[in-house]
Amino acid sequence: MAKHEGVKTVVVGGKKDVQQQYCGTVGGQSTSFSTIDSEIKSTGLKDHELAPPDL
């Protein structure tokens, strides 16, 4: 964003002597719903109140 739009980043908090960094997802990679859902099922957490429903 800084190169294309001239956006400047702002850091709130942190330590004075620690260098701040930012990162993103390389190439827009992400995890699909089915991958996350199968991980939840394999750990036995599907009955948890925050687990996503079966679609």
N, C-alpha and C. Protein backbone atom coordinates (compact mmCIF):
# COMPACT_ATOMS: atom_id res chain seq x y z
N MET A 1 0.82 -1.19 0.00
CA MET A 1 0.00 0.00 0.00
C MET A 1 0.86 1.25 0.00
N ALA A 2 1.99 1.20 0.68
CA ALA A 2 2.85 2.37 0.74
C ALA A 2 3.41 2.71 -0.63
N LYS A 3 3.76 1.67 -1.41
CA LYS A 3 4.35 1.91 -2.73
C LYS A 3 3.31 2.41 -3.74
N HIS A 4 2.10 1.86 -3.67
CA HIS A 4 1.09 2.19 -4.68
C HIS A 4 0.24 3.39 -4.30
N GLU A 5 -0.07 3.55 -3.05
CA GLU A 5 -1.00 4.59 -2.62
C GLU A 5 -0.37 5.64 -1.72
N GLY A 6 0.88 5.46 -1.33
CA GLY A 6 1.53 6.43 -0.45
C GLY A 6 1.05 6.35 0.99
N VAL A 7 0.51 5.20 1.39
CA VAL A 7 -0.01 5.02 2.74
C VAL A 7 1.14 4.92 3.73
N LYS A 8 1.01 5.58 4.86
CA LYS A 8 2.00 5.47 5.92
C LYS A 8 1.42 4.59 7.02
N THR A 9 2.25 3.77 7.62
CA THR A 9 1.77 2.88 8.67
C THR A 9 1.89 3.55 10.02
N VAL A 10 1.01 3.18 10.92
CA VAL A 10 0.99 3.72 12.27
C VAL A 10 1.00 2.55 13.24
N VAL A 11 1.86 2.61 14.24
CA VAL A 11 1.94 1.57 15.26
C VAL A 11 1.43 2.16 16.57
N VAL A 12 0.47 1.48 17.18
CA VAL A 12 -0.05 1.90 18.47
C VAL A 12 0.40 0.86 19.48
N GLY A 13 1.09 1.30 20.51
CA GLY A 13 1.61 0.37 21.50
C GLY A 13 2.98 -0.13 21.10
N GLY A 14 3.41 -1.21 21.69
CA GLY A 14 4.72 -1.77 21.40
C GLY A 14 5.78 -1.21 22.32
N LYS A 15 7.02 -1.59 22.05
CA LYS A 15 8.15 -1.13 22.86
C LYS A 15 9.02 -0.19 22.04
N LYS A 16 9.61 0.75 22.69
CA LYS A 16 10.41 1.77 22.03
C LYS A 16 11.63 1.18 21.33
N ASP A 17 12.29 0.21 21.93
CA ASP A 17 13.52 -0.34 21.38
C ASP A 17 13.32 -1.54 20.46
N VAL A 18 12.07 -1.94 20.19
CA VAL A 18 11.79 -3.12 19.36
C VAL A 18 11.31 -2.65 17.99
N GLN A 19 11.97 -3.16 16.94
CA GLN A 19 11.59 -2.81 15.59
C GLN A 19 10.21 -3.38 15.26
N GLN A 20 9.34 -2.58 14.69
CA GLN A 20 7.99 -3.02 14.32
C GLN A 20 8.02 -3.60 12.92
N GLN A 21 7.24 -4.66 12.70
CA GLN A 21 7.16 -5.30 11.39
C GLN A 21 5.70 -5.58 11.06
N TYR A 22 5.43 -5.76 9.81
CA TYR A 22 4.10 -6.19 9.40
C TYR A 22 4.26 -7.28 8.37
N CYS A 23 3.22 -8.07 8.21
CA CYS A 23 3.29 -9.14 7.22
C CYS A 23 1.90 -9.40 6.67
N GLY A 24 1.85 -10.20 5.66
CA GLY A 24 0.58 -10.56 5.04
C GLY A 24 0.64 -12.00 4.58
N THR A 25 -0.34 -12.38 3.81
CA THR A 25 -0.35 -13.74 3.30
C THR A 25 0.34 -13.75 1.94
N VAL A 26 1.31 -14.62 1.79
CA VAL A 26 2.08 -14.68 0.55
C VAL A 26 1.19 -15.19 -0.57
N GLY A 27 1.07 -14.42 -1.61
CA GLY A 27 0.30 -14.85 -2.77
C GLY A 27 -1.18 -15.03 -2.50
N GLY A 28 -1.69 -14.46 -1.43
CA GLY A 28 -3.09 -14.57 -1.11
C GLY A 28 -3.49 -15.95 -0.64
N GLN A 29 -2.54 -16.72 -0.12
CA GLN A 29 -2.86 -18.07 0.34
C GLN A 29 -3.72 -17.99 1.59
N SER A 30 -4.64 -18.89 1.70
CA SER A 30 -5.48 -18.96 2.89
C SER A 30 -5.95 -20.41 3.09
N THR A 31 -6.54 -20.66 4.22
CA THR A 31 -7.05 -22.00 4.51
C THR A 31 -8.54 -22.03 4.20
N SER A 32 -8.98 -23.08 3.58
CA SER A 32 -10.39 -23.19 3.22
C SER A 32 -11.23 -23.64 4.41
N PHE A 33 -12.51 -23.43 4.31
CA PHE A 33 -13.44 -23.83 5.37
C PHE A 33 -13.37 -25.33 5.60
N SER A 34 -13.29 -26.11 4.53
CA SER A 34 -13.29 -27.57 4.69
C SER A 34 -12.06 -28.06 5.45
N THR A 35 -10.92 -27.40 5.24
CA THR A 35 -9.70 -27.76 5.97
C THR A 35 -9.86 -27.47 7.45
N ILE A 36 -10.35 -26.29 7.76
CA ILE A 36 -10.55 -25.91 9.16
C ILE A 36 -11.57 -26.84 9.82
N ASP A 37 -12.66 -27.13 9.10
CA ASP A 37 -13.71 -27.99 9.65
C ASP A 37 -13.19 -29.39 9.93
N SER A 38 -12.38 -29.94 9.02
CA SER A 38 -11.85 -31.29 9.26
C SER A 38 -10.86 -31.30 10.43
N GLU A 39 -10.11 -30.22 10.62
CA GLU A 39 -9.21 -30.12 11.78
C GLU A 39 -10.01 -30.08 13.08
N ILE A 40 -11.11 -29.35 13.09
CA ILE A 40 -11.96 -29.27 14.28
C ILE A 40 -12.55 -30.64 14.60
N LYS A 41 -12.99 -31.35 13.57
CA LYS A 41 -13.56 -32.69 13.77
C LYS A 41 -12.51 -33.68 14.26
N SER A 42 -11.29 -33.59 13.73
CA SER A 42 -10.25 -34.55 14.12
C SER A 42 -9.77 -34.35 15.55
N THR A 43 -9.94 -33.15 16.08
CA THR A 43 -9.54 -32.89 17.47
C THR A 43 -10.68 -33.11 18.46
N GLY A 44 -11.86 -33.45 17.93
CA GLY A 44 -12.99 -33.72 18.81
C GLY A 44 -13.66 -32.47 19.37
N LEU A 45 -13.49 -31.35 18.70
CA LEU A 45 -14.06 -30.09 19.19
C LEU A 45 -15.33 -29.67 18.45
N LYS A 46 -15.90 -30.56 17.67
CA LYS A 46 -17.08 -30.20 16.89
C LYS A 46 -18.29 -29.89 17.77
N ASP A 47 -18.31 -30.42 19.00
CA ASP A 47 -19.44 -30.16 19.91
C ASP A 47 -19.28 -28.84 20.67
N HIS A 48 -18.16 -28.15 20.49
CA HIS A 48 -17.94 -26.88 21.19
C HIS A 48 -18.91 -25.83 20.65
N GLU A 49 -19.34 -24.94 21.50
CA GLU A 49 -20.34 -23.94 21.12
C GLU A 49 -19.84 -22.97 20.03
N LEU A 50 -18.54 -22.80 19.90
CA LEU A 50 -17.99 -21.90 18.89
C LEU A 50 -17.60 -22.59 17.59
N ALA A 51 -17.78 -23.91 17.52
CA ALA A 51 -17.44 -24.66 16.31
C ALA A 51 -18.44 -24.31 15.22
N PRO A 52 -17.96 -24.21 13.97
CA PRO A 52 -18.87 -23.90 12.86
C PRO A 52 -19.82 -25.05 12.59
N PRO A 53 -21.00 -24.76 12.06
CA PRO A 53 -21.97 -25.83 11.78
C PRO A 53 -21.53 -26.64 10.56
N ASP A 54 -22.08 -27.85 10.44
CA ASP A 54 -21.85 -28.64 9.24
C ASP A 54 -22.63 -28.03 8.09
N LEU A 55 -21.95 -27.84 6.99
CA LEU A 55 -22.63 -27.27 5.81
C LEU A 55 -22.84 -28.31 4.74
